[in-house]
Amino acid sequence: MFDMGIILNNLLDNAIEACEKLEPGKGFIRLTLKRKKQFLLLNVENSFDDAVPISKGSSLPPTTKQSILPGIIMEHGIGLENVRDIAERYFGGVNIKVKGDVFHVTVMLQQGRWGK
C-alpha cells in the first residue's frame, strides 16, 4: 500500500501541476485502475501546456519544478523515476505517451506482487 501511495502521489501531483499552468476550466485529470490478466494497470491522463521535453537517451521528461533554495539539491524531479523504480520492483513498468495536449502515464504492476 505504501508503494501504491508513492505512485499515486507522484502521478497526481504532476497532473495537478500541469493543469494549474492552463487557463481555468481547460484542465482535466483522469485516473483509471483495472486488472488485465495478472496485472494491475494504473492510468493517469491529464491536459498540459503541450511542452514536455524528453532528453535524448532518457525515457522520462525532466522536472520543471524549481528549488526554493538555489544551490541546494532538492528532491524535485525524481517522482517519475520513483514510479518507474517501484513498477520494476513489482515486475512491471511505466509507459509515457504524449498525444497533442494530453499526457498519458500507464503503470503496470504484476498481480501477486502487489496483492490480490
C-alpha atoms as a PDB file:
ATOM      1  CA  MET A   1       0.000   0.000   0.000  1.00  0.00           C
ATOM      2  CA  PHE A   2       2.889   2.364   0.745  1.00  0.00           C
ATOM      3  CA  ASP A   3       4.313   1.913  -2.756  1.00  0.00           C
ATOM      4  CA  MET A   4       0.886   2.464  -4.334  1.00  0.00           C
ATOM      5  CA  GLY A   5       0.654   5.699  -2.343  1.00  0.00           C
ATOM      6  CA  ILE A   6       4.012   6.848  -3.729  1.00  0.00           C
ATOM      7  CA  ILE A   7       2.913   6.070  -7.284  1.00  0.00           C
ATOM      8  CA  LEU A   8      -0.435   7.848  -6.942  1.00  0.00           C
ATOM      9  CA  ASN A   9       1.065  10.830  -5.115  1.00  0.00           C
ATOM     10  CA  ASN A  10       3.734  11.414  -7.756  1.00  0.00           C
ATOM     11  CA  LEU A  11       1.481  10.952 -10.784  1.00  0.00           C
ATOM     12  CA  LEU A  12      -1.375  13.044  -9.417  1.00  0.00           C
ATOM     13  CA  ASP A  13       0.971  15.765  -8.160  1.00  0.00           C
ATOM     14  CA  ASN A  14       2.465  16.041 -11.663  1.00  0.00           C
ATOM     15  CA  ALA A  15      -1.000  16.077 -13.267  1.00  0.00           C
ATOM     16  CA  ILE A  16      -2.254  18.799 -10.912  1.00  0.00           C
ATOM     17  CA  GLU A  17       0.851  20.912 -11.525  1.00  0.00           C
ATOM     18  CA  ALA A  18       0.375  20.595 -15.296  1.00  0.00           C
ATOM     19  CA  CYS A  19      -3.298  21.596 -15.082  1.00  0.00           C
ATOM     20  CA  GLU A  20      -2.503  24.616 -12.902  1.00  0.00           C
ATOM     21  CA  LYS A  21      -0.490  26.061 -15.807  1.00  0.00           C
ATOM     22  CA  LEU A  22      -3.573  26.109 -18.043  1.00  0.00           C
ATOM     23  CA  GLU A  23      -6.411  28.601 -18.296  1.00  0.00           C
ATOM     24  CA  PRO A  24      -9.172  27.960 -15.751  1.00  0.00           C
ATOM     25  CA  GLY A  25     -11.601  25.312 -16.993  1.00  0.00           C
ATOM     26  CA  LYS A  26      -9.173  23.874 -19.569  1.00  0.00           C
ATOM     27  CA  GLY A  27      -7.519  21.260 -17.363  1.00  0.00           C
ATOM     28  CA  PHE A  28      -8.613  17.704 -16.669  1.00  0.00           C
ATOM     29  CA  ILE A  29      -7.263  14.630 -14.925  1.00  0.00           C
ATOM     30  CA  ARG A  30      -8.479  11.068 -15.471  1.00  0.00           C
ATOM     31  CA  LEU A  31      -7.425   8.215 -13.207  1.00  0.00           C
ATOM     32  CA  THR A  32      -8.285   4.603 -14.017  1.00  0.00           C
ATOM     33  CA  LEU A  33      -7.317   1.336 -12.367  1.00  0.00           C
ATOM     34  CA  LYS A  34      -8.065  -2.018 -13.921  1.00  0.00           C
ATOM     35  CA  ARG A  35      -6.927  -5.591 -13.869  1.00  0.00           C
ATOM     36  CA  LYS A  36      -5.799  -7.209 -17.075  1.00  0.00           C
ATOM     37  CA  LYS A  37      -4.936 -10.867 -16.610  1.00  0.00           C
ATOM     38  CA  GLN A  38      -2.228 -10.962 -13.921  1.00  0.00           C
ATOM     39  CA  PHE A  39      -1.514  -7.220 -13.997  1.00  0.00           C
ATOM     40  CA  LEU A  40      -2.873  -4.084 -12.377  1.00  0.00           C
ATOM     41  CA  LEU A  41      -2.892  -1.176 -14.814  1.00  0.00           C
ATOM     42  CA  LEU A  42      -2.970   2.322 -13.373  1.00  0.00           C
ATOM     43  CA  ASN A  43      -3.500   5.038 -15.953  1.00  0.00           C
ATOM     44  CA  VAL A  44      -3.324   8.796 -15.416  1.00  0.00           C
ATOM     45  CA  GLU A  45      -4.209  11.170 -18.249  1.00  0.00           C
ATOM     46  CA  ASN A  46      -4.107  14.916 -17.937  1.00  0.00           C
ATOM     47  CA  SER A  47      -4.137  18.011 -20.055  1.00  0.00           C
ATOM     48  CA  PHE A  48      -0.972  20.105 -20.185  1.00  0.00           C
ATOM     49  CA  ASP A  49       0.566  23.063 -21.989  1.00  0.00           C
ATOM     50  CA  ASP A  50       1.995  20.934 -24.830  1.00  0.00           C
ATOM     51  CA  ALA A  51       5.616  21.333 -23.639  1.00  0.00           C
ATOM     52  CA  VAL A  52       7.186  18.082 -22.477  1.00  0.00           C
ATOM     53  CA  PRO A  53      10.827  17.857 -23.485  1.00  0.00           C
ATOM     54  CA  ILE A  54      12.356  14.392 -23.277  1.00  0.00           C
ATOM     55  CA  SER A  55      16.124  14.331 -23.353  1.00  0.00           C
ATOM     56  CA  LYS A  56      17.960  12.050 -25.741  1.00  0.00           C
ATOM     57  CA  GLY A  57      18.812   8.790 -24.030  1.00  0.00           C
ATOM     58  CA  SER A  58      16.126   9.244 -21.366  1.00  0.00           C
ATOM     59  CA  SER A  59      12.631   7.806 -21.278  1.00  0.00           C
ATOM     60  CA  LEU A  60      11.436  10.314 -18.680  1.00  0.00           C
ATOM     61  CA  PRO A  61      10.849  14.051 -19.065  1.00  0.00           C
ATOM     62  CA  PRO A  62      12.983  16.319 -16.867  1.00  0.00           C
ATOM     63  CA  THR A  63      11.468  18.210 -13.961  1.00  0.00           C
ATOM     64  CA  THR A  64      10.060  21.700 -14.399  1.00  0.00           C
ATOM     65  CA  LYS A  65       9.969  22.300 -10.643  1.00  0.00           C
ATOM     66  CA  GLN A  66      12.262  24.969  -9.262  1.00  0.00           C
ATOM     67  CA  SER A  67      14.025  24.731  -5.936  1.00  0.00           C
ATOM     68  CA  ILE A  68      13.160  27.498  -3.493  1.00  0.00           C
ATOM     69  CA  LEU A  69      16.731  27.287  -2.170  1.00  0.00           C
ATOM     70  CA  PRO A  70      19.182  27.865  -5.052  1.00  0.00           C
ATOM     71  CA  GLY A  71      22.314  25.754  -4.890  1.00  0.00           C
ATOM     72  CA  ILE A  72      20.735  23.174  -2.595  1.00  0.00           C
ATOM     73  CA  ILE A  73      19.720  19.894  -4.157  1.00  0.00           C
ATOM     74  CA  MET A  74      16.070  19.169  -3.537  1.00  0.00           C
ATOM     75  CA  GLU A  75      14.117  16.020  -4.313  1.00  0.00           C
ATOM     76  CA  HIS A  76      12.343  17.642  -7.242  1.00  0.00           C
ATOM     77  CA  GLY A  77      12.249  15.732 -10.485  1.00  0.00           C
ATOM     78  CA  ILE A  78      12.623  12.245  -9.090  1.00  0.00           C
ATOM     79  CA  GLY A  79       8.902  11.443  -8.972  1.00  0.00           C
ATOM     80  CA  LEU A  80       8.676   9.623 -12.301  1.00  0.00           C
ATOM     81  CA  GLU A  81      11.956   7.853 -11.552  1.00  0.00           C
ATOM     82  CA  ASN A  82      10.462   6.657  -8.255  1.00  0.00           C
ATOM     83  CA  VAL A  83       7.339   5.469 -10.061  1.00  0.00           C
ATOM     84  CA  ARG A  84       9.450   3.564 -12.596  1.00  0.00           C
ATOM     85  CA  ASP A  85      11.630   2.023  -9.871  1.00  0.00           C
ATOM     86  CA  ILE A  86       8.586   0.848  -7.899  1.00  0.00           C
ATOM     87  CA  ALA A  87       6.931  -0.575 -11.026  1.00  0.00           C
ATOM     88  CA  GLU A  88      10.086  -2.530 -11.848  1.00  0.00           C
ATOM     89  CA  ARG A  89      10.218  -3.827  -8.260  1.00  0.00           C
ATOM     90  CA  TYR A  90       6.759  -5.301  -8.904  1.00  0.00           C
ATOM     91  CA  PHE A  91       7.873  -6.822 -12.235  1.00  0.00           C
ATOM     92  CA  GLY A  92       6.061  -4.158 -14.230  1.00  0.00           C
ATOM     93  CA  GLY A  93       6.898  -0.945 -15.994  1.00  0.00           C
ATOM     94  CA  VAL A  94       5.897   2.587 -16.926  1.00  0.00           C
ATOM     95  CA  ASN A  95       4.756   3.791 -20.324  1.00  0.00           C
ATOM     96  CA  ILE A  96       4.575   7.524 -21.082  1.00  0.00           C
ATOM     97  CA  LYS A  97       2.845   8.913 -24.155  1.00  0.00           C
ATOM     98  CA  VAL A  98       2.067  12.415 -25.304  1.00  0.00           C
ATOM     99  CA  LYS A  99      -0.805  12.878 -27.751  1.00  0.00           C
ATOM    100  CA  GLY A 100      -1.445  16.501 -28.612  1.00  0.00           C
ATOM    101  CA  ASP A 101      -2.103  18.295 -25.350  1.00  0.00           C
ATOM    102  CA  VAL A 102      -2.766  15.135 -23.319  1.00  0.00           C
ATOM    103  CA  PHE A 103      -0.087  13.453 -21.207  1.00  0.00           C
ATOM    104  CA  HIS A 104      -0.636   9.705 -20.561  1.00  0.00           C
ATOM    105  CA  VAL A 105       1.189   7.614 -17.960  1.00  0.00           C
ATOM    106  CA  THR A 106       0.424   3.921 -17.557  1.00  0.00           C
ATOM    107  CA  VAL A 107       1.951   1.944 -14.705  1.00  0.00           C
ATOM    108  CA  MET A 108       1.789  -1.841 -14.815  1.00  0.00           C
ATOM    109  CA  LEU A 109       2.279  -3.958 -11.683  1.00  0.00           C
ATOM    110  CA  GLN A 110       2.239  -7.752 -11.613  1.00  0.00           C
ATOM    111  CA  GLN A 111      -0.530  -9.325  -9.507  1.00  0.00           C
ATOM    112  CA  GLY A 112       0.744 -11.374  -6.629  1.00  0.00           C
ATOM    113  CA  ARG A 113       3.490  -8.823  -6.056  1.00  0.00           C
ATOM    114  CA  TRP A 114       1.105  -6.012  -5.031  1.00  0.00           C
ATOM    115  CA  GLY A 115      -1.800  -8.020  -3.591  1.00  0.00           C
ATOM    116  CA  LYS A 116      -4.942  -9.823  -4.639  1.00  0.00           C
END
